[in-house]
Amino acid sequence: MNRNTFIASCLFALLNIAALSAQAEASPKLDIQQVLSTVDDGGAACGVVNARMTYLDSHGQKQVFEYMKFADSCNEGS
């Protein structure tokens, strides 16, 4: 490995670390005291579906968190 390739590899690694760090900071930090319900748009097919969790936070306020997940049918038969 020559010097330029080594330097480029190091810079690429540093950029990846910075990007992962920025993603971690952007992740929501949920204040969940009690989950009230979870629902998803899943069907019989395995795949990514929209999901919604309704919960109470530590102040007793009802909150809704929307996210994507694999359908429950993806776990069947394993």
PDB file of N, CA and C in Angstrom:
ATOM      1  N   MET A   1       0.854  -1.174   0.000  1.00  0.00           N
ATOM      2  CA  MET A   1       0.000   0.000   0.000  1.00  0.00           C
ATOM      3  C   MET A   1       0.896   1.232   0.000  1.00  0.00           C
ATOM      4  N   ASN A   2       0.663   2.102  -0.959  1.00  0.00           N
ATOM      5  CA  ASN A   2       1.487   3.302  -1.004  1.00  0.00           C
ATOM      6  C   ASN A   2       0.941   4.369  -0.054  1.00  0.00           C
ATOM      7  N   ARG A   3       1.695   5.411   0.087  1.00  0.00           N
ATOM      8  CA  ARG A   3       1.358   6.451   1.068  1.00  0.00           C
ATOM      9  C   ARG A   3       0.021   7.126   0.767  1.00  0.00           C
ATOM     10  N   ASN A   4      -0.247   7.464  -0.491  1.00  0.00           N
ATOM     11  CA  ASN A   4      -1.499   8.128  -0.855  1.00  0.00           C
ATOM     12  C   ASN A   4      -2.703   7.242  -0.587  1.00  0.00           C
ATOM     13  N   THR A   5      -2.576   5.954  -0.877  1.00  0.00           N
ATOM     14  CA  THR A   5      -3.671   5.013  -0.616  1.00  0.00           C
ATOM     15  C   THR A   5      -3.923   4.910   0.882  1.00  0.00           C
ATOM     16  N   PHE A   6      -2.851   4.866   1.657  1.00  0.00           N
ATOM     17  CA  PHE A   6      -2.989   4.792   3.111  1.00  0.00           C
ATOM     18  C   PHE A   6      -3.677   6.032   3.666  1.00  0.00           C
ATOM     19  N   ILE A   7      -3.276   7.197   3.215  1.00  0.00           N
ATOM     20  CA  ILE A   7      -3.883   8.454   3.670  1.00  0.00           C
ATOM     21  C   ILE A   7      -5.355   8.514   3.273  1.00  0.00           C
ATOM     22  N   ALA A   8      -5.658   8.105   2.034  1.00  0.00           N
ATOM     23  CA  ALA A   8      -7.055   8.104   1.580  1.00  0.00           C
ATOM     24  C   ALA A   8      -7.893   7.137   2.416  1.00  0.00           C
ATOM     25  N   SER A   9      -7.334   5.990   2.746  1.00  0.00           N
ATOM     26  CA  SER A   9      -8.056   5.008   3.570  1.00  0.00           C
ATOM     27  C   SER A   9      -8.331   5.560   4.968  1.00  0.00           C
ATOM     28  N   CYS A  10      -7.363   6.227   5.540  1.00  0.00           N
ATOM     29  CA  CYS A  10      -7.546   6.828   6.867  1.00  0.00           C
ATOM     30  C   CYS A  10      -8.615   7.911   6.845  1.00  0.00           C
ATOM     31  N   LEU A  11      -8.587   8.762   5.821  1.00  0.00           N
ATOM     32  CA  LEU A  11      -9.600   9.811   5.716  1.00  0.00           C
ATOM     33  C   LEU A  11     -10.993   9.217   5.537  1.00  0.00           C
ATOM     34  N   PHE A  12     -11.095   8.177   4.721  1.00  0.00           N
ATOM     35  CA  PHE A  12     -12.376   7.509   4.517  1.00  0.00           C
ATOM     36  C   PHE A  12     -12.890   6.922   5.832  1.00  0.00           C
ATOM     37  N   ALA A  13     -12.013   6.303   6.609  1.00  0.00           N
ATOM     38  CA  ALA A  13     -12.403   5.735   7.898  1.00  0.00           C
ATOM     39  C   ALA A  13     -12.881   6.828   8.851  1.00  0.00           C
ATOM     40  N   LEU A  14     -12.181   7.960   8.876  1.00  0.00           N
ATOM     41  CA  LEU A  14     -12.587   9.070   9.744  1.00  0.00           C
ATOM     42  C   LEU A  14     -13.941   9.629   9.341  1.00  0.00           C
ATOM     43  N   LEU A  15     -14.200   9.736   8.041  1.00  0.00           N
ATOM     44  CA  LEU A  15     -15.503  10.221   7.574  1.00  0.00           C
ATOM     45  C   LEU A  15     -16.616   9.265   7.970  1.00  0.00           C
ATOM     46  N   ASN A  16     -16.355   7.964   7.878  1.00  0.00           N
ATOM     47  CA  ASN A  16     -17.361   6.981   8.291  1.00  0.00           C
ATOM     48  C   ASN A  16     -17.662   7.079   9.781  1.00  0.00           C
ATOM     49  N   ILE A  17     -16.625   7.257  10.579  1.00  0.00           N
ATOM     50  CA  ILE A  17     -16.827   7.395  12.030  1.00  0.00           C
ATOM     51  C   ILE A  17     -17.639   8.648  12.329  1.00  0.00           C
ATOM     52  N   ALA A  18     -17.337   9.736  11.643  1.00  0.00           N
ATOM     53  CA  ALA A  18     -18.073  10.991  11.852  1.00  0.00           C
ATOM     54  C   ALA A  18     -19.532  10.830  11.437  1.00  0.00           C
ATOM     55  N   ALA A  19     -19.776  10.127  10.330  1.00  0.00           N
ATOM     56  CA  ALA A  19     -21.146   9.923   9.867  1.00  0.00           C
ATOM     57  C   ALA A  19     -21.932   9.067  10.847  1.00  0.00           C
ATOM     58  N   LEU A  20     -21.320   8.014  11.357  1.00  0.00           N
ATOM     59  CA  LEU A  20     -22.002   7.157  12.335  1.00  0.00           C
ATOM     60  C   LEU A  20     -22.294   7.917  13.617  1.00  0.00           C
ATOM     61  N   SER A  21     -21.378   8.749  14.030  1.00  0.00           N
ATOM     62  CA  SER A  21     -21.576   9.562  15.224  1.00  0.00           C
ATOM     63  C   SER A  21     -22.743  10.527  15.040  1.00  0.00           C
ATOM     64  N   ALA A  22     -22.828  11.139  13.867  1.00  0.00           N
ATOM     65  CA  ALA A  22     -23.929  12.071  13.592  1.00  0.00           C
ATOM     66  C   ALA A  22     -25.257  11.345  13.568  1.00  0.00           C
ATOM     67  N   GLN A  23     -25.296  10.118  13.038  1.00  0.00           N
ATOM     68  CA  GLN A  23     -26.536   9.338  13.028  1.00  0.00           C
ATOM     69  C   GLN A  23     -26.963   8.996  14.444  1.00  0.00           C
ATOM     70  N   ALA A  24     -26.022   8.641  15.292  1.00  0.00           N
ATOM     71  CA  ALA A  24     -26.356   8.284  16.668  1.00  0.00           C
ATOM     72  C   ALA A  24     -26.959   9.472  17.403  1.00  0.00           C
ATOM     73  N   GLU A  25     -26.446  10.669  17.143  1.00  0.00           N
ATOM     74  CA  GLU A  25     -26.972  11.860  17.793  1.00  0.00           C
ATOM     75  C   GLU A  25     -28.357  12.205  17.276  1.00  0.00           C
ATOM     76  N   ALA A  26     -28.676  11.829  16.038  1.00  0.00           N
ATOM     77  CA  ALA A  26     -29.970  12.140  15.443  1.00  0.00           C
ATOM     78  C   ALA A  26     -31.051  11.143  15.860  1.00  0.00           C
ATOM     79  N   SER A  27     -30.662  10.041  16.475  1.00  0.00           N
ATOM     80  CA  SER A  27     -31.637   9.037  16.894  1.00  0.00           C
ATOM     81  C   SER A  27     -32.515   9.592  18.002  1.00  0.00           C
ATOM     82  N   PRO A  28     -33.819   9.318  17.919  1.00  0.00           N
ATOM     83  CA  PRO A  28     -34.707   9.826  18.960  1.00  0.00           C
ATOM     84  C   PRO A  28     -34.474   9.096  20.280  1.00  0.00           C
ATOM     85  N   LYS A  29     -34.576   9.835  21.353  1.00  0.00           N
ATOM     86  CA  LYS A  29     -34.482   9.237  22.680  1.00  0.00           C
ATOM     87  C   LYS A  29     -35.876   9.319  23.281  1.00  0.00           C
ATOM     88  N   LEU A  30     -36.525   8.174  23.327  1.00  0.00           N
ATOM     89  CA  LEU A  30     -37.912   8.133  23.759  1.00  0.00           C
ATOM     90  C   LEU A  30     -38.018   8.079  25.274  1.00  0.00           C
ATOM     91  N   ASP A  31     -38.967   8.802  25.801  1.00  0.00           N
ATOM     92  CA  ASP A  31     -39.277   8.830  27.237  1.00  0.00           C
ATOM     93  C   ASP A  31     -40.550   8.005  27.419  1.00  0.00           C
ATOM     94  N   ILE A  32     -40.400   6.694  27.514  1.00  0.00           N
ATOM     95  CA  ILE A  32     -41.554   5.793  27.570  1.00  0.00           C
ATOM     96  C   ILE A  32     -41.771   5.315  29.001  1.00  0.00           C
ATOM     97  N   GLN A  33     -42.922   5.668  29.546  1.00  0.00           N
ATOM     98  CA  GLN A  33     -43.294   5.194  30.873  1.00  0.00           C
ATOM     99  C   GLN A  33     -44.180   3.960  30.745  1.00  0.00           C
ATOM    100  N   GLN A  34     -45.119   3.997  29.779  1.00  0.00           N
ATOM    101  CA  GLN A  34     -46.045   2.882  29.595  1.00  0.00           C
ATOM    102  C   GLN A  34     -46.480   2.822  28.123  1.00  0.00           C
ATOM    103  N   VAL A  35     -46.356   1.637  27.517  1.00  0.00           N
ATOM    104  CA  VAL A  35     -46.821   1.443  26.142  1.00  0.00           C
ATOM    105  C   VAL A  35     -48.317   1.156  26.186  1.00  0.00           C
ATOM    106  N   LEU A  36     -49.094   1.932  25.420  1.00  0.00           N
ATOM    107  CA  LEU A  36     -50.539   1.744  25.369  1.00  0.00           C
ATOM    108  C   LEU A  36     -50.943   0.799  24.245  1.00  0.00           C
ATOM    109  N   SER A  37     -50.305   0.941  23.067  1.00  0.00           N
ATOM    110  CA  SER A  37     -50.624   0.051  21.951  1.00  0.00           C
ATOM    111  C   SER A  37     -49.531   0.104  20.899  1.00  0.00           C
ATOM    112  N   THR A  38     -49.454  -0.956  20.111  1.00  0.00           N
ATOM    113  CA  THR A  38     -48.593  -0.988  18.937  1.00  0.00           C
ATOM    114  C   THR A  38     -49.406  -1.577  17.791  1.00  0.00           C
ATOM    115  N   VAL A  39     -49.328  -0.954  16.637  1.00  0.00           N
ATOM    116  CA  VAL A  39     -50.028  -1.437  15.442  1.00  0.00           C
ATOM    117  C   VAL A  39     -49.087  -1.301  14.257  1.00  0.00           C
ATOM    118  N   ASP A  40     -49.301  -2.147  13.237  1.00  0.00           N
ATOM    119  CA  ASP A  40     -48.532  -2.016  12.011  1.00  0.00           C
ATOM    120  C   ASP A  40     -49.419  -2.299  10.811  1.00  0.00           C
ATOM    121  N   ASP A  41     -48.930  -1.910   9.646  1.00  0.00           N
ATOM    122  CA  ASP A  41     -49.660  -2.091   8.397  1.00  0.00           C
ATOM    123  C   ASP A  41     -49.350  -3.439   7.763  1.00  0.00           C
ATOM    124  N   GLY A  42     -48.762  -4.355   8.523  1.00  0.00           N
ATOM    125  CA  GLY A  42     -48.305  -5.629   7.987  1.00  0.00           C
ATOM    126  C   GLY A  42     -49.431  -6.506   7.487  1.00  0.00           C
ATOM    127  N   GLY A  43     -49.103  -7.298   6.499  1.00  0.00           N
ATOM    128  CA  GLY A  43     -50.040  -8.266   5.953  1.00  0.00           C
ATOM    129  C   GLY A  43     -49.441  -9.651   6.068  1.00  0.00           C
ATOM    130  N   ALA A  44     -49.810 -10.506   5.160  1.00  0.00           N
ATOM    131  CA  ALA A  44     -49.322 -11.873   5.178  1.00  0.00           C
ATOM    132  C   ALA A  44     -47.908 -11.984   4.606  1.00  0.00           C
ATOM    133  N   ALA A  45     -47.485 -11.008   3.821  1.00  0.00           N
ATOM    134  CA  ALA A  45     -46.174 -11.079   3.181  1.00  0.00           C
ATOM    135  C   ALA A  45     -45.086 -10.534   4.100  1.00  0.00           C
ATOM    136  N   CYS A  46     -43.914 -11.129   3.977  1.00  0.00           N
ATOM    137  CA  CYS A  46     -42.754 -10.660   4.729  1.00  0.00           C
ATOM    138  C   CYS A  46     -42.179  -9.430   4.030  1.00  0.00           C
ATOM    139  N   GLY A  47     -41.894  -8.389   4.785  1.00  0.00           N
ATOM    140  CA  GLY A  47     -41.306  -7.172   4.237  1.00  0.00           C
ATOM    141  C   GLY A  47     -41.319  -6.067   5.267  1.00  0.00           C
ATOM    142  N   VAL A  48     -40.863  -4.901   4.878  1.00  0.00           N
ATOM    143  CA  VAL A  48     -40.836  -3.744   5.768  1.00  0.00           C
ATOM    144  C   VAL A  48     -42.199  -3.069   5.748  1.00  0.00           C
ATOM    145  N   VAL A  49     -42.726  -2.776   6.932  1.00  0.00           N
ATOM    146  CA  VAL A  49     -44.050  -2.161   7.060  1.00  0.00           C
ATOM    147  C   VAL A  49     -43.966  -0.940   7.970  1.00  0.00           C
ATOM    148  N   ASN A  50     -44.938  -0.056   7.852  1.00  0.00           N
ATOM    149  CA  ASN A  50     -45.055   1.086   8.756  1.00  0.00           C
ATOM    150  C   ASN A  50     -45.672   0.603  10.060  1.00  0.00           C
ATOM    151  N   ALA A  51     -45.192   1.149  11.173  1.00  0.00           N
ATOM    152  CA  ALA A  51     -45.706   0.775  12.484  1.00  0.00           C
ATOM    153  C   ALA A  51     -45.876   2.026  13.335  1.00  0.00           C
ATOM    154  N   ARG A  52     -46.717   1.911  14.364  1.00  0.00           N
ATOM    155  CA  ARG A  52     -46.997   3.049  15.242  1.00  0.00           C
ATOM    156  C   ARG A  52     -47.127   2.536  16.677  1.00  0.00           C
ATOM    157  N   MET A  53     -46.455   3.192  17.592  1.00  0.00           N
ATOM    158  CA  MET A  53     -46.547   2.868  19.015  1.00  0.00           C
ATOM    159  C   MET A  53     -47.129   4.084  19.731  1.00  0.00           C
ATOM    160  N   THR A  54     -48.172   3.863  20.507  1.00  0.00           N
ATOM    161  CA  THR A  54     -48.765   4.907  21.330  1.00  0.00           C
ATOM    162  C   THR A  54     -48.354   4.618  22.771  1.00  0.00           C
ATOM    163  N   TYR A  55     -47.869   5.631  23.451  1.00  0.00           N
ATOM    164  CA  TYR A  55     -47.346   5.430  24.805  1.00  0.00           C
ATOM    165  C   TYR A  55     -47.546   6.680  25.658  1.00  0.00           C
ATOM    166  N   LEU A  56     -47.363   6.496  26.955  1.00  0.00           N
ATOM    167  CA  LEU A  56     -47.365   7.614  27.904  1.00  0.00           C
ATOM    168  C   LEU A  56     -45.924   7.912  28.272  1.00  0.00           C
ATOM    169  N   ASP A  57     -45.564   9.209  28.287  1.00  0.00           N
ATOM    170  CA  ASP A  57     -44.225   9.578  28.714  1.00  0.00           C
ATOM    171  C   ASP A  57     -44.195   9.742  30.238  1.00  0.00           C
ATOM    172  N   SER A  58     -43.060  10.129  30.772  1.00  0.00           N
ATOM    173  CA  SER A  58     -42.921  10.228  32.229  1.00  0.00           C
ATOM    174  C   SER A  58     -43.761  11.345  32.833  1.00  0.00           C
ATOM    175  N   HIS A  59     -44.335  12.229  31.996  1.00  0.00           N
ATOM    176  CA  HIS A  59     -45.217  13.297  32.468  1.00  0.00           C
ATOM    177  C   HIS A  59     -46.686  12.915  32.307  1.00  0.00           C
ATOM    178  N   GLY A  60     -46.946  11.670  31.867  1.00  0.00           N
ATOM    179  CA  GLY A  60     -48.319  11.220  31.684  1.00  0.00           C
ATOM    180  C   GLY A  60     -48.947  11.683  30.381  1.00  0.00           C
ATOM    181  N   GLN A  61     -48.157  12.266  29.491  1.00  0.00           N
ATOM    182  CA  GLN A  61     -48.668  12.752  28.216  1.00  0.00           C
ATOM    183  C   GLN A  61     -48.661  11.627  27.181  1.00  0.00           C
ATOM    184  N   LYS A  62     -49.754  11.513  26.425  1.00  0.00           N
ATOM    185  CA  LYS A  62     -49.830  10.503  25.374  1.00  0.00           C
ATOM    186  C   LYS A  62     -48.978  10.945  24.186  1.00  0.00           C
ATOM    187  N   GLN A  63     -48.137  10.043  23.699  1.00  0.00           N
ATOM    188  CA  GLN A  63     -47.250  10.309  22.568  1.00  0.00           C
ATOM    189  C   GLN A  63     -47.432   9.208  21.530  1.00  0.00           C
ATOM    190  N   VAL A  64     -47.116   9.508  20.280  1.00  0.00           N
ATOM    191  CA  VAL A  64     -47.166   8.520  19.206  1.00  0.00           C
ATOM    192  C   VAL A  64     -45.810   8.525  18.505  1.00  0.00           C
ATOM    193  N   PHE A  65     -45.257   7.339  18.323  1.00  0.00           N
ATOM    194  CA  PHE A  65     -43.978   7.188  17.636  1.00  0.00           C
ATOM    195  C   PHE A  65     -44.210   6.317  16.410  1.00  0.00           C
ATOM    196  N   GLU A  66     -43.898   6.860  15.230  1.00  0.00           N
ATOM    197  CA  GLU A  66     -44.058   6.116  13.982  1.00  0.00           C
ATOM    198  C   GLU A  66     -42.683   5.667  13.505  1.00  0.00           C
ATOM    199  N   TYR A  67     -42.610   4.426  13.024  1.00  0.00           N
ATOM    200  CA  TYR A  67     -41.340   3.850  12.600  1.00  0.00           C
ATOM    201  C   TYR A  67     -41.596   2.760  11.569  1.00  0.00           C
ATOM    202  N   MET A  68     -40.537   2.200  11.026  1.00  0.00           N
ATOM    203  CA  MET A  68     -40.645   1.100  10.075  1.00  0.00           C
ATOM    204  C   MET A  68     -40.008  -0.131  10.699  1.00  0.00           C
ATOM    205  N   LYS A  69     -40.579  -1.306  10.386  1.00  0.00           N
ATOM    206  CA  LYS A  69     -40.060  -2.559  10.929  1.00  0.00           C
ATOM    207  C   LYS A  69     -40.374  -3.682   9.955  1.00  0.00           C
ATOM    208  N   PHE A  70     -39.781  -4.853  10.211  1.00  0.00           N
ATOM    209  CA  PHE A  70     -40.144  -6.018   9.427  1.00  0.00           C
ATOM    210  C   PHE A  70     -41.483  -6.537   9.913  1.00  0.00           C
ATOM    211  N   ALA A  71     -42.315  -6.992   8.996  1.00  0.00           N
ATOM    212  CA  ALA A  71     -43.628  -7.539   9.334  1.00  0.00           C
ATOM    213  C   ALA A  71     -43.463  -8.740  10.250  1.00  0.00           C
ATOM    214  N   ASP A  72     -44.456  -8.974  11.099  1.00  0.00           N
ATOM    215  CA  ASP A  72     -44.413 -10.110  12.008  1.00  0.00           C
ATOM    216  C   ASP A  72     -44.338 -11.434  11.253  1.00  0.00           C
ATOM    217  N   SER A  73     -44.878 -11.478  10.039  1.00  0.00           N
ATOM    218  CA  SER A  73     -44.854 -12.709   9.259  1.00  0.00           C
ATOM    219  C   SER A  73     -43.430 -13.102   8.879  1.00  0.00           C
ATOM    220  N   CYS A  74     -42.466 -12.184   8.963  1.00  0.00           N
ATOM    221  CA  CYS A  74     -41.080 -12.501   8.651  1.00  0.00           C
ATOM    222  C   CYS A  74     -40.475 -13.423   9.712  1.00  0.00           C
ATOM    223  N   ASN A  75     -41.040 -13.406  10.910  1.00  0.00           N
ATOM    224  CA  ASN A  75     -40.509 -14.216  12.014  1.00  0.00           C
ATOM    225  C   ASN A  75     -41.145 -15.595  12.102  1.00  0.00           C
ATOM    226  N   GLU A  76     -42.212 -15.823  11.374  1.00  0.00           N
ATOM    227  CA  GLU A  76     -42.899 -17.108  11.455  1.00  0.00           C
ATOM    228  C   GLU A  76     -42.066 -18.203  10.804  1.00  0.00           C
ATOM    229  N   GLY A  77     -42.105 -19.378  11.417  1.00  0.00           N
ATOM    230  CA  GLY A  77     -41.411 -20.523  10.855  1.00  0.00           C
ATOM    231  C   GLY A  77     -39.920 -20.559  11.102  1.00  0.00           C
ATOM    232  N   SER A  78     -39.437 -19.704  11.991  1.00  0.00           N
ATOM    233  CA  SER A  78     -37.999 -19.718  12.253  1.00  0.00           C
ATOM    234  C   SER A  78     -37.675 -20.530  13.479  1.00  0.00           C
TER     235      SER A  78
END
